[in-house]
């Protein structure tokens, strides 16, 4: 097979692996916003083939760092999808000008937080805590970095740009109306709460994190997680912020945008115990992620400035969450840090 826009150069890639076999079928995996993937069936079994496309994740050194971390985490017993080594011991193969990695195919399905029981929610928090402590063991000492918080003046300018694009869109539809409503609403909230902008974060709260921990990057087999996948955003961030961001995706109601705080409470307590994170660190993370959500419009940026609508289905709940979180700030803080 030859590489095209819809199919990878299978023969060129698979010949680099001793036990990969001869390709039989190749089916695109539709999930994923950054890179491309295929389920490949060969005479040697089933595999997941990943092509690195996004500019910031296709840098060879970045990929090698990801692969090194995931293979070592897997050796610690964590459910990690780690890449296979080719005949030269490499985990990245270059063909037709692109980089590819081959992984064992892992049967499983994605599960939203609404499907998880309270006990499973606690196990999810514990799993993420173990990932963070595991990364601290297998990765080098993280550099101390400043993590600046968004400044309202820049956000106001971004809102004005987006409003112009939304109002000028034709045909103006229900999504455009919702986007305009949320932008005006968010501008009013920012003016009301500008004095609560958190200070820039730096120091020992930072650590190595997955960087994109959400339901589409976690496969379940039955009741238990089978594999954490897509480590493209592996990096150094305030670690508790990843726990808060993940909860805000897993446990958000898909229509109304409120969080299931009972599940959040169990998840957060389990995470804090596993990652050895104190209440003050968690509370600081809640405040910074709340502020981040108030200032963030990446989904509208994708739709109106990049002309990419893949994130559109996420917008109604995500935009409602920022408003609900502001109204229920103390209850949310207590669920995470209480």
C-alpha atoms as a PDB file:
ATOM      1  CA  UNK A   1       0.000   0.000   0.000  1.00  0.00           C
ATOM      2  CA  UNK A   2       1.143   3.549  -0.652  1.00  0.00           C
ATOM      3  CA  UNK A   3       0.581   6.617   1.469  1.00  0.00           C
ATOM      4  CA  UNK A   4      -2.279   8.930   0.460  1.00  0.00           C
ATOM      5  CA  UNK A   5      -4.404  11.480   2.287  1.00  0.00           C
ATOM      6  CA  UNK A   6      -6.556   8.617   3.546  1.00  0.00           C
ATOM      7  CA  UNK A   7      -4.119   5.730   3.917  1.00  0.00           C
ATOM      8  CA  UNK A   8      -0.627   5.496   5.417  1.00  0.00           C
ATOM      9  CA  UNK A   9       2.369   3.808   3.712  1.00  0.00           C
ATOM     10  CA  UNK A  10       1.720   0.544   5.537  1.00  0.00           C
ATOM     11  CA  UNK A  11       4.237  -1.673   3.815  1.00  0.00           C
ATOM     12  CA  UNK A  12       7.091   0.777   4.352  1.00  0.00           C
ATOM     13  CA  UNK A  13       6.236   1.169   8.031  1.00  0.00           C
ATOM     14  CA  UNK A  14       5.440  -2.432   8.943  1.00  0.00           C
ATOM     15  CA  UNK A  15       8.568  -3.895   7.378  1.00  0.00           C
ATOM     16  CA  UNK A  16      10.510  -2.129  10.137  1.00  0.00           C
ATOM     17  CA  UNK A  17       8.904  -4.395  12.782  1.00  0.00           C
ATOM     18  CA  UNK A  18       9.834  -8.055  13.237  1.00  0.00           C
ATOM     19  CA  UNK A  19       6.421  -9.385  14.233  1.00  0.00           C
ATOM     20  CA  UNK A  20       4.053  -6.916  12.575  1.00  0.00           C
ATOM     21  CA  UNK A  21       3.127  -9.263   9.731  1.00  0.00           C
ATOM     22  CA  UNK A  22       1.613  -8.436   6.347  1.00  0.00           C
ATOM     23  CA  UNK A  23      -1.162  -5.822   6.251  1.00  0.00           C
ATOM     24  CA  UNK A  24      -4.691  -7.080   5.622  1.00  0.00           C
ATOM     25  CA  UNK A  25      -6.977  -4.159   6.470  1.00  0.00           C
ATOM     26  CA  UNK A  26      -6.552  -0.518   7.428  1.00  0.00           C
ATOM     27  CA  UNK A  27      -9.392   1.520   8.921  1.00  0.00           C
ATOM     28  CA  UNK A  28      -9.147   5.178   9.935  1.00  0.00           C
ATOM     29  CA  UNK A  29      -9.890   5.959  13.586  1.00  0.00           C
ATOM     30  CA  UNK A  30     -12.091   9.068  13.498  1.00  0.00           C
ATOM     31  CA  UNK A  31     -11.253  10.375  16.974  1.00  0.00           C
ATOM     32  CA  UNK A  32      -8.526  12.904  17.585  1.00  0.00           C
ATOM     33  CA  UNK A  33      -8.040  16.609  16.884  1.00  0.00           C
ATOM     34  CA  UNK A  34      -4.246  16.722  16.570  1.00  0.00           C
ATOM     35  CA  UNK A  35      -2.914  13.676  14.703  1.00  0.00           C
ATOM     36  CA  UNK A  36      -4.133  10.791  12.545  1.00  0.00           C
ATOM     37  CA  UNK A  37      -4.604   7.144  13.400  1.00  0.00           C
ATOM     38  CA  UNK A  38      -5.631   3.826  11.879  1.00  0.00           C
ATOM     39  CA  UNK A  39      -6.586   0.399  13.110  1.00  0.00           C
ATOM     40  CA  UNK A  40      -4.393  -1.990  11.153  1.00  0.00           C
ATOM     41  CA  UNK A  41      -5.040  -5.732  10.954  1.00  0.00           C
ATOM     42  CA  UNK A  42      -2.148  -7.854   9.754  1.00  0.00           C
ATOM     43  CA  UNK A  43      -1.183 -11.492   9.686  1.00  0.00           C
ATOM     44  CA  UNK A  44       0.533 -10.745  13.002  1.00  0.00           C
ATOM     45  CA  UNK A  45      -2.444  -9.231  14.825  1.00  0.00           C
ATOM     46  CA  UNK A  46      -4.191  -5.897  15.383  1.00  0.00           C
ATOM     47  CA  UNK A  47      -2.325  -2.615  15.834  1.00  0.00           C
ATOM     48  CA  UNK A  48      -2.903   1.105  16.126  1.00  0.00           C
ATOM     49  CA  UNK A  49      -0.777   3.148  13.724  1.00  0.00           C
ATOM     50  CA  UNK A  50      -0.340   6.822  14.556  1.00  0.00           C
ATOM     51  CA  UNK A  51       0.859   9.546  12.223  1.00  0.00           C
ATOM     52  CA  UNK A  52       2.249  12.708  13.814  1.00  0.00           C
ATOM     53  CA  UNK A  53       0.815  15.693  11.947  1.00  0.00           C
ATOM     54  CA  UNK A  54       0.384  18.694  14.249  1.00  0.00           C
ATOM     55  CA  UNK A  55       3.488  20.879  14.038  1.00  0.00           C
ATOM     56  CA  UNK A  56       4.026  21.190  17.783  1.00  0.00           C
ATOM     57  CA  UNK A  57       3.682  17.441  18.395  1.00  0.00           C
ATOM     58  CA  UNK A  58       5.597  16.124  15.369  1.00  0.00           C
ATOM     59  CA  UNK A  59       9.027  17.341  16.529  1.00  0.00           C
ATOM     60  CA  UNK A  60      11.241  14.220  16.824  1.00  0.00           C
ATOM     61  CA  UNK A  61      12.581  15.135  20.247  1.00  0.00           C
ATOM     62  CA  UNK A  62       9.070  15.708  21.571  1.00  0.00           C
ATOM     63  CA  UNK A  63       7.890  12.329  20.295  1.00  0.00           C
ATOM     64  CA  UNK A  64      10.892  10.523  21.771  1.00  0.00           C
ATOM     65  CA  UNK A  65      10.229  12.160  25.141  1.00  0.00           C
ATOM     66  CA  UNK A  66       6.603  11.030  25.044  1.00  0.00           C
ATOM     67  CA  UNK A  67       7.549   7.475  24.121  1.00  0.00           C
ATOM     68  CA  UNK A  68      10.223   7.274  26.796  1.00  0.00           C
ATOM     69  CA  UNK A  69       7.759   8.440  29.456  1.00  0.00           C
ATOM     70  CA  UNK A  70       4.933   6.124  28.417  1.00  0.00           C
ATOM     71  CA  UNK A  71       7.131   3.040  28.206  1.00  0.00           C
ATOM     72  CA  UNK A  72       8.508   3.711  31.681  1.00  0.00           C
ATOM     73  CA  UNK A  73       5.050   4.394  33.110  1.00  0.00           C
ATOM     74  CA  UNK A  74       3.850   1.104  31.650  1.00  0.00           C
ATOM     75  CA  UNK A  75       6.770  -0.628  33.389  1.00  0.00           C
ATOM     76  CA  UNK A  76       5.412   0.743  36.685  1.00  0.00           C
ATOM     77  CA  UNK A  77       2.150  -1.107  36.081  1.00  0.00           C
ATOM     78  CA  UNK A  78       0.015   1.811  34.936  1.00  0.00           C
ATOM     79  CA  UNK A  79      -2.491   1.187  32.111  1.00  0.00           C
ATOM     80  CA  UNK A  80      -0.563   3.005  29.392  1.00  0.00           C
ATOM     81  CA  UNK A  81      -0.599   2.517  25.628  1.00  0.00           C
ATOM     82  CA  UNK A  82       3.153   2.395  24.941  1.00  0.00           C
ATOM     83  CA  UNK A  83       4.699   2.244  21.438  1.00  0.00           C
ATOM     84  CA  UNK A  84       6.423  -0.817  20.039  1.00  0.00           C
ATOM     85  CA  UNK A  85      10.113  -0.818  19.109  1.00  0.00           C
ATOM     86  CA  UNK A  86      11.186  -1.555  15.563  1.00  0.00           C
ATOM     87  CA  UNK A  87      14.146  -3.728  14.542  1.00  0.00           C
ATOM     88  CA  UNK A  88      16.576  -0.914  15.360  1.00  0.00           C
ATOM     89  CA  UNK A  89      15.072  -0.231  18.764  1.00  0.00           C
ATOM     90  CA  UNK A  90      13.381   2.961  17.610  1.00  0.00           C
ATOM     91  CA  UNK A  91       9.748   3.805  18.328  1.00  0.00           C
ATOM     92  CA  UNK A  92       9.317   6.294  15.459  1.00  0.00           C
ATOM     93  CA  UNK A  93       9.436   5.343  11.789  1.00  0.00           C
ATOM     94  CA  UNK A  94       9.699   7.961   9.039  1.00  0.00           C
ATOM     95  CA  UNK A  95       8.048   7.297   5.691  1.00  0.00           C
ATOM     96  CA  UNK A  96       6.878   9.648   2.937  1.00  0.00           C
ATOM     97  CA  UNK A  97       8.103  12.588   4.980  1.00  0.00           C
ATOM     98  CA  UNK A  98       6.025  11.836   8.073  1.00  0.00           C
ATOM     99  CA  UNK A  99       6.634  10.184  11.429  1.00  0.00           C
ATOM    100  CA  UNK A 100       4.704   7.073  12.496  1.00  0.00           C
ATOM    101  CA  UNK A 101       4.490   4.975  15.642  1.00  0.00           C
ATOM    102  CA  UNK A 102       2.994   1.511  16.046  1.00  0.00           C
ATOM    103  CA  UNK A 103       1.062   0.475  19.152  1.00  0.00           C
ATOM    104  CA  UNK A 104      -0.710  -2.725  20.162  1.00  0.00           C
ATOM    105  CA  UNK A 105      -4.444  -2.420  19.505  1.00  0.00           C
ATOM    106  CA  UNK A 106      -6.291  -2.141  22.820  1.00  0.00           C
ATOM    107  CA  UNK A 107      -9.930  -3.156  22.894  1.00  0.00           C
ATOM    108  CA  UNK A 108     -12.043  -0.810  24.943  1.00  0.00           C
ATOM    109  CA  UNK A 109     -14.440   2.080  24.843  1.00  0.00           C
ATOM    110  CA  UNK A 110     -14.600   5.643  26.062  1.00  0.00           C
ATOM    111  CA  UNK A 111     -16.802   6.427  29.056  1.00  0.00           C
ATOM    112  CA  UNK A 112     -18.127   9.828  30.060  1.00  0.00           C
ATOM    113  CA  UNK A 113     -18.169  10.760  33.719  1.00  0.00           C
ATOM    114  CA  UNK A 114     -21.967  10.521  33.682  1.00  0.00           C
ATOM    115  CA  UNK A 115     -21.533   6.767  33.158  1.00  0.00           C
ATOM    116  CA  UNK A 116     -19.141   6.324  36.071  1.00  0.00           C
ATOM    117  CA  UNK A 117     -20.337   5.251  39.498  1.00  0.00           C
ATOM    118  CA  UNK A 118     -19.087   7.137  42.578  1.00  0.00           C
ATOM    119  CA  UNK A 119     -16.609   4.302  43.190  1.00  0.00           C
ATOM    120  CA  UNK A 120     -15.352   4.468  39.603  1.00  0.00           C
ATOM    121  CA  UNK A 121     -15.040   8.245  39.931  1.00  0.00           C
ATOM    122  CA  UNK A 122     -12.796   7.747  42.940  1.00  0.00           C
ATOM    123  CA  UNK A 123     -10.696   5.218  41.035  1.00  0.00           C
ATOM    124  CA  UNK A 124     -10.371   7.723  38.183  1.00  0.00           C
ATOM    125  CA  UNK A 125      -8.978  10.331  40.563  1.00  0.00           C
ATOM    126  CA  UNK A 126      -6.598   7.803  42.057  1.00  0.00           C
ATOM    127  CA  UNK A 127      -5.418   6.794  38.576  1.00  0.00           C
ATOM    128  CA  UNK A 128      -4.569  10.368  37.621  1.00  0.00           C
ATOM    129  CA  UNK A 129      -2.744  10.825  40.932  1.00  0.00           C
ATOM    130  CA  UNK A 130      -0.705   7.719  40.222  1.00  0.00           C
ATOM    131  CA  UNK A 131       0.103   9.050  36.749  1.00  0.00           C
ATOM    132  CA  UNK A 132       1.450  12.263  38.259  1.00  0.00           C
ATOM    133  CA  UNK A 133       3.530  10.513  40.889  1.00  0.00           C
ATOM    134  CA  UNK A 134       4.744   8.026  38.264  1.00  0.00           C
ATOM    135  CA  UNK A 135       5.809  10.835  35.935  1.00  0.00           C
ATOM    136  CA  UNK A 136       7.721  12.411  38.814  1.00  0.00           C
ATOM    137  CA  UNK A 137       9.677   9.139  39.080  1.00  0.00           C
ATOM    138  CA  UNK A 138      10.442   8.567  35.404  1.00  0.00           C
ATOM    139  CA  UNK A 139      10.891  12.119  34.088  1.00  0.00           C
ATOM    140  CA  UNK A 140      13.714  14.569  34.803  1.00  0.00           C
ATOM    141  CA  UNK A 141      13.246  17.270  37.411  1.00  0.00           C
ATOM    142  CA  UNK A 142      10.784  19.751  35.888  1.00  0.00           C
ATOM    143  CA  UNK A 143      12.011  23.291  35.296  1.00  0.00           C
ATOM    144  CA  UNK A 144      10.431  26.078  37.327  1.00  0.00           C
ATOM    145  CA  UNK A 145       8.184  27.956  34.942  1.00  0.00           C
ATOM    146  CA  UNK A 146       5.865  30.881  35.215  1.00  0.00           C
ATOM    147  CA  UNK A 147       2.269  30.117  34.312  1.00  0.00           C
ATOM    148  CA  UNK A 148       0.712  33.521  33.607  1.00  0.00           C
ATOM    149  CA  UNK A 149      -3.019  33.940  34.003  1.00  0.00           C
ATOM    150  CA  UNK A 150      -5.080  35.629  31.313  1.00  0.00           C
ATOM    151  CA  UNK A 151      -5.399  39.397  31.449  1.00  0.00           C
ATOM    152  CA  UNK A 152      -8.934  40.756  30.917  1.00  0.00           C
ATOM    153  CA  UNK A 153      -7.815  43.552  28.575  1.00  0.00           C
ATOM    154  CA  UNK A 154      -6.545  41.014  26.059  1.00  0.00           C
ATOM    155  CA  UNK A 155      -9.661  38.907  26.501  1.00  0.00           C
ATOM    156  CA  UNK A 156     -11.925  41.902  25.799  1.00  0.00           C
ATOM    157  CA  UNK A 157     -10.091  42.472  22.511  1.00  0.00           C
ATOM    158  CA  UNK A 158     -10.460  38.794  21.586  1.00  0.00           C
ATOM    159  CA  UNK A 159     -14.184  38.918  22.412  1.00  0.00           C
ATOM    160  CA  UNK A 160     -14.612  41.933  20.122  1.00  0.00           C
ATOM    161  CA  UNK A 161     -12.853  40.102  17.282  1.00  0.00           C
ATOM    162  CA  UNK A 162     -15.020  37.035  17.715  1.00  0.00           C
ATOM    163  CA  UNK A 163     -18.225  39.060  18.005  1.00  0.00           C
ATOM    164  CA  UNK A 164     -17.493  40.709  14.662  1.00  0.00           C
ATOM    165  CA  UNK A 165     -16.976  37.317  13.034  1.00  0.00           C
ATOM    166  CA  UNK A 166     -20.074  35.805  14.646  1.00  0.00           C
ATOM    167  CA  UNK A 167     -22.361  38.696  13.698  1.00  0.00           C
ATOM    168  CA  UNK A 168     -21.023  38.732  10.147  1.00  0.00           C
ATOM    169  CA  UNK A 169     -21.443  34.997   9.602  1.00  0.00           C
ATOM    170  CA  UNK A 170     -23.963  34.000   6.932  1.00  0.00           C
ATOM    171  CA  UNK A 171     -26.270  32.254   7.227  1.00  0.00           C
ATOM    172  CA  UNK A 172     -26.571  33.353  10.883  1.00  0.00           C
ATOM    173  CA  UNK A 173     -27.823  30.233  12.656  1.00  0.00           C
ATOM    174  CA  UNK A 174     -28.643  28.943  16.154  1.00  0.00           C
ATOM    175  CA  UNK A 175     -24.977  28.270  16.929  1.00  0.00           C
ATOM    176  CA  UNK A 176     -24.096  31.844  16.005  1.00  0.00           C
ATOM    177  CA  UNK A 177     -26.861  33.139  18.283  1.00  0.00           C
ATOM    178  CA  UNK A 178     -25.576  31.045  21.183  1.00  0.00           C
ATOM    179  CA  UNK A 179     -21.995  32.137  20.518  1.00  0.00           C
ATOM    180  CA  UNK A 180     -22.991  35.821  20.506  1.00  0.00           C
ATOM    181  CA  UNK A 181     -24.983  35.386  23.717  1.00  0.00           C
ATOM    182  CA  UNK A 182     -22.114  33.642  25.494  1.00  0.00           C
ATOM    183  CA  UNK A 183     -19.535  36.202  24.350  1.00  0.00           C
ATOM    184  CA  UNK A 184     -21.606  39.114  25.657  1.00  0.00           C
ATOM    185  CA  UNK A 185     -22.331  37.214  28.859  1.00  0.00           C
ATOM    186  CA  UNK A 186     -18.664  36.396  29.394  1.00  0.00           C
ATOM    187  CA  UNK A 187     -17.591  39.999  28.829  1.00  0.00           C
ATOM    188  CA  UNK A 188     -20.006  41.111  31.533  1.00  0.00           C
ATOM    189  CA  UNK A 189     -18.720  38.432  33.936  1.00  0.00           C
ATOM    190  CA  UNK A 190     -15.112  39.411  33.335  1.00  0.00           C
ATOM    191  CA  UNK A 191     -15.869  43.042  34.082  1.00  0.00           C
ATOM    192  CA  UNK A 192     -17.570  41.955  37.296  1.00  0.00           C
ATOM    193  CA  UNK A 193     -14.776  39.623  38.432  1.00  0.00           C
ATOM    194  CA  UNK A 194     -11.641  41.234  36.957  1.00  0.00           C
ATOM    195  CA  UNK A 195     -10.374  41.935  40.478  1.00  0.00           C
ATOM    196  CA  UNK A 196     -10.205  38.170  41.111  1.00  0.00           C
ATOM    197  CA  UNK A 197      -7.564  37.500  38.447  1.00  0.00           C
ATOM    198  CA  UNK A 198      -5.187  34.970  40.054  1.00  0.00           C
ATOM    199  CA  UNK A 199      -1.474  35.748  40.342  1.00  0.00           C
ATOM    200  CA  UNK A 200       0.873  34.090  37.895  1.00  0.00           C
ATOM    201  CA  UNK A 201       1.735  30.606  39.168  1.00  0.00           C
ATOM    202  CA  UNK A 202       5.249  29.271  39.545  1.00  0.00           C
ATOM    203  CA  UNK A 203       7.149  26.992  41.852  1.00  0.00           C
ATOM    204  CA  UNK A 204       6.861  23.507  43.321  1.00  0.00           C
ATOM    205  CA  UNK A 205       3.240  22.891  42.285  1.00  0.00           C
ATOM    206  CA  UNK A 206       4.475  22.321  38.732  1.00  0.00           C
ATOM    207  CA  UNK A 207       5.213  18.815  37.509  1.00  0.00           C
ATOM    208  CA  UNK A 208       5.010  16.510  34.515  1.00  0.00           C
ATOM    209  CA  UNK A 209       1.418  15.905  33.443  1.00  0.00           C
ATOM    210  CA  UNK A 210      -0.412  14.051  30.674  1.00  0.00           C
ATOM    211  CA  UNK A 211      -1.604  17.399  29.348  1.00  0.00           C
ATOM    212  CA  UNK A 212      -4.892  16.242  27.792  1.00  0.00           C
ATOM    213  CA  UNK A 213      -6.591  13.895  30.252  1.00  0.00           C
ATOM    214  CA  UNK A 214     -10.247  13.534  29.222  1.00  0.00           C
ATOM    215  CA  UNK A 215     -12.734  10.782  28.259  1.00  0.00           C
ATOM    216  CA  UNK A 216     -11.549  10.411  24.657  1.00  0.00           C
ATOM    217  CA  UNK A 217      -8.019   9.686  25.885  1.00  0.00           C
ATOM    218  CA  UNK A 218      -9.010   6.933  28.304  1.00  0.00           C
ATOM    219  CA  UNK A 219     -10.185   3.493  27.203  1.00  0.00           C
ATOM    220  CA  UNK A 220     -12.244   1.266  29.484  1.00  0.00           C
ATOM    221  CA  UNK A 221     -12.501  -2.493  29.293  1.00  0.00           C
ATOM    222  CA  UNK A 222     -15.551  -3.418  31.324  1.00  0.00           C
ATOM    223  CA  UNK A 223     -15.537  -1.446  34.556  1.00  0.00           C
ATOM    224  CA  UNK A 224     -11.827  -0.598  34.695  1.00  0.00           C
ATOM    225  CA  UNK A 225      -9.483   1.647  32.671  1.00  0.00           C
ATOM    226  CA  UNK A 226      -7.574  -0.350  30.060  1.00  0.00           C
ATOM    227  CA  UNK A 227      -5.304   2.352  28.639  1.00  0.00           C
ATOM    228  CA  UNK A 228      -4.478   6.039  28.795  1.00  0.00           C
ATOM    229  CA  UNK A 229      -3.721   7.149  25.234  1.00  0.00           C
ATOM    230  CA  UNK A 230      -2.623  10.243  23.275  1.00  0.00           C
ATOM    231  CA  UNK A 231       0.281  11.691  25.222  1.00  0.00           C
ATOM    232  CA  UNK A 232       0.914  14.458  22.672  1.00  0.00           C
ATOM    233  CA  UNK A 233       0.527  17.196  25.294  1.00  0.00           C
ATOM    234  CA  UNK A 234       2.901  15.684  27.854  1.00  0.00           C
ATOM    235  CA  UNK A 235       4.568  18.630  29.546  1.00  0.00           C
ATOM    236  CA  UNK A 236       5.191  20.637  32.692  1.00  0.00           C
ATOM    237  CA  UNK A 237       2.197  22.357  34.276  1.00  0.00           C
ATOM    238  CA  UNK A 238       0.777  22.944  37.739  1.00  0.00           C
ATOM    239  CA  UNK A 239      -0.226  19.322  38.393  1.00  0.00           C
ATOM    240  CA  UNK A 240      -3.432  19.953  40.355  1.00  0.00           C
ATOM    241  CA  UNK A 241      -4.746  22.063  37.485  1.00  0.00           C
ATOM    242  CA  UNK A 242      -4.782  18.979  35.277  1.00  0.00           C
ATOM    243  CA  UNK A 243      -6.932  17.215  37.868  1.00  0.00           C
ATOM    244  CA  UNK A 244      -9.382  20.126  37.900  1.00  0.00           C
ATOM    245  CA  UNK A 245      -9.513  20.423  34.100  1.00  0.00           C
ATOM    246  CA  UNK A 246     -10.106  16.695  33.748  1.00  0.00           C
ATOM    247  CA  UNK A 247     -12.970  16.757  36.247  1.00  0.00           C
ATOM    248  CA  UNK A 248     -14.519  19.711  34.409  1.00  0.00           C
ATOM    249  CA  UNK A 249     -14.681  17.527  31.292  1.00  0.00           C
ATOM    250  CA  UNK A 250     -15.508  14.128  32.782  1.00  0.00           C
ATOM    251  CA  UNK A 251     -18.210  15.305  35.182  1.00  0.00           C
ATOM    252  CA  UNK A 252     -19.920  18.113  33.262  1.00  0.00           C
ATOM    253  CA  UNK A 253     -23.564  17.624  32.343  1.00  0.00           C
ATOM    254  CA  UNK A 254     -23.586  17.444  28.512  1.00  0.00           C
ATOM    255  CA  UNK A 255     -26.499  19.886  28.113  1.00  0.00           C
ATOM    256  CA  UNK A 256     -26.815  22.170  31.125  1.00  0.00           C
ATOM    257  CA  UNK A 257     -23.086  22.537  31.862  1.00  0.00           C
ATOM    258  CA  UNK A 258     -23.213  21.887  35.625  1.00  0.00           C
ATOM    259  CA  UNK A 259     -20.759  19.593  37.391  1.00  0.00           C
ATOM    260  CA  UNK A 260     -21.764  16.497  39.324  1.00  0.00           C
ATOM    261  CA  UNK A 261     -20.182  17.718  42.542  1.00  0.00           C
ATOM    262  CA  UNK A 262     -20.780  14.466  44.422  1.00  0.00           C
ATOM    263  CA  UNK A 263     -18.625  12.590  41.936  1.00  0.00           C
ATOM    264  CA  UNK A 264     -16.143  15.466  41.798  1.00  0.00           C
ATOM    265  CA  UNK A 265     -15.724  15.303  45.568  1.00  0.00           C
ATOM    266  CA  UNK A 266     -14.862  11.592  45.554  1.00  0.00           C
ATOM    267  CA  UNK A 267     -12.610  11.949  42.520  1.00  0.00           C
ATOM    268  CA  UNK A 268     -10.744  14.925  44.004  1.00  0.00           C
ATOM    269  CA  UNK A 269     -10.185  13.316  47.409  1.00  0.00           C
ATOM    270  CA  UNK A 270      -8.813  10.184  45.738  1.00  0.00           C
ATOM    271  CA  UNK A 271      -6.566  12.255  43.479  1.00  0.00           C
ATOM    272  CA  UNK A 272      -5.217  14.320  46.371  1.00  0.00           C
ATOM    273  CA  UNK A 273      -4.450  11.174  48.353  1.00  0.00           C
ATOM    274  CA  UNK A 274      -2.671   9.435  45.455  1.00  0.00           C
ATOM    275  CA  UNK A 275      -0.755  12.522  44.282  1.00  0.00           C
ATOM    276  CA  UNK A 276      -0.098  13.827  47.807  1.00  0.00           C
ATOM    277  CA  UNK A 277      -1.672  17.172  46.979  1.00  0.00           C
ATOM    278  CA  UNK A 278      -2.850  19.373  49.836  1.00  0.00           C
ATOM    279  CA  UNK A 279      -6.097  21.321  50.078  1.00  0.00           C
ATOM    280  CA  UNK A 280      -4.385  24.699  49.532  1.00  0.00           C
ATOM    281  CA  UNK A 281      -2.721  23.537  46.314  1.00  0.00           C
ATOM    282  CA  UNK A 282      -6.030  22.146  45.082  1.00  0.00           C
ATOM    283  CA  UNK A 283      -7.919  25.315  45.959  1.00  0.00           C
ATOM    284  CA  UNK A 284      -5.388  27.407  44.063  1.00  0.00           C
ATOM    285  CA  UNK A 285      -5.796  25.155  41.035  1.00  0.00           C
ATOM    286  CA  UNK A 286      -9.594  25.482  41.161  1.00  0.00           C
ATOM    287  CA  UNK A 287      -9.314  29.268  41.143  1.00  0.00           C
ATOM    288  CA  UNK A 288      -6.836  29.366  38.253  1.00  0.00           C
ATOM    289  CA  UNK A 289      -8.826  26.923  36.097  1.00  0.00           C
ATOM    290  CA  UNK A 290     -12.054  28.853  36.809  1.00  0.00           C
ATOM    291  CA  UNK A 291     -10.350  32.032  35.619  1.00  0.00           C
ATOM    292  CA  UNK A 292      -8.909  30.204  32.620  1.00  0.00           C
ATOM    293  CA  UNK A 293     -12.413  29.063  31.631  1.00  0.00           C
ATOM    294  CA  UNK A 294     -13.776  32.602  31.884  1.00  0.00           C
ATOM    295  CA  UNK A 295     -11.094  33.837  29.468  1.00  0.00           C
ATOM    296  CA  UNK A 296     -10.954  30.887  27.062  1.00  0.00           C
ATOM    297  CA  UNK A 297     -12.704  30.773  23.668  1.00  0.00           C
ATOM    298  CA  UNK A 298     -10.691  28.133  21.826  1.00  0.00           C
ATOM    299  CA  UNK A 299     -13.791  26.433  20.389  1.00  0.00           C
ATOM    300  CA  UNK A 300     -15.024  29.687  18.858  1.00  0.00           C
ATOM    301  CA  UNK A 301     -11.505  30.410  17.626  1.00  0.00           C
ATOM    302  CA  UNK A 302     -11.531  27.068  15.822  1.00  0.00           C
ATOM    303  CA  UNK A 303     -14.947  27.659  14.267  1.00  0.00           C
ATOM    304  CA  UNK A 304     -14.697  31.286  13.198  1.00  0.00           C
ATOM    305  CA  UNK A 305     -10.980  31.878  12.708  1.00  0.00           C
ATOM    306  CA  UNK A 306      -9.705  28.461  11.667  1.00  0.00           C
ATOM    307  CA  UNK A 307     -12.941  27.356   9.963  1.00  0.00           C
ATOM    308  CA  UNK A 308     -12.716  24.056  11.818  1.00  0.00           C
ATOM    309  CA  UNK A 309     -16.016  22.883  13.310  1.00  0.00           C
ATOM    310  CA  UNK A 310     -14.930  19.659  14.974  1.00  0.00           C
ATOM    311  CA  UNK A 311     -15.230  21.151  18.457  1.00  0.00           C
ATOM    312  CA  UNK A 312     -18.690  22.664  17.886  1.00  0.00           C
ATOM    313  CA  UNK A 313     -20.584  19.901  19.762  1.00  0.00           C
ATOM    314  CA  UNK A 314     -18.549  20.665  22.906  1.00  0.00           C
ATOM    315  CA  UNK A 315     -19.371  24.363  22.999  1.00  0.00           C
ATOM    316  CA  UNK A 316     -22.879  24.463  24.559  1.00  0.00           C
ATOM    317  CA  UNK A 317     -21.892  22.582  27.737  1.00  0.00           C
ATOM    318  CA  UNK A 318     -18.422  24.149  28.009  1.00  0.00           C
ATOM    319  CA  UNK A 319     -19.738  27.694  27.664  1.00  0.00           C
ATOM    320  CA  UNK A 320     -22.541  27.047  30.154  1.00  0.00           C
ATOM    321  CA  UNK A 321     -20.068  25.579  32.647  1.00  0.00           C
ATOM    322  CA  UNK A 322     -18.102  28.821  32.931  1.00  0.00           C
ATOM    323  CA  UNK A 323     -21.263  30.673  33.969  1.00  0.00           C
ATOM    324  CA  UNK A 324     -22.507  27.951  36.331  1.00  0.00           C
ATOM    325  CA  UNK A 325     -19.060  27.621  37.931  1.00  0.00           C
ATOM    326  CA  UNK A 326     -19.022  31.351  38.636  1.00  0.00           C
ATOM    327  CA  UNK A 327     -22.445  31.193  40.269  1.00  0.00           C
ATOM    328  CA  UNK A 328     -21.553  28.080  42.307  1.00  0.00           C
ATOM    329  CA  UNK A 329     -17.931  28.992  42.993  1.00  0.00           C
ATOM    330  CA  UNK A 330     -17.912  28.149  46.712  1.00  0.00           C
ATOM    331  CA  UNK A 331     -19.651  24.797  46.191  1.00  0.00           C
ATOM    332  CA  UNK A 332     -17.194  23.842  43.450  1.00  0.00           C
ATOM    333  CA  UNK A 333     -14.236  24.869  45.598  1.00  0.00           C
ATOM    334  CA  UNK A 334     -15.532  22.767  48.491  1.00  0.00           C
ATOM    335  CA  UNK A 335     -16.010  19.724  46.234  1.00  0.00           C
ATOM    336  CA  UNK A 336     -12.382  19.852  45.124  1.00  0.00           C
ATOM    337  CA  UNK A 337     -10.591  21.072  48.241  1.00  0.00           C
ATOM    338  CA  UNK A 338     -12.984  20.462  51.134  1.00  0.00           C
END
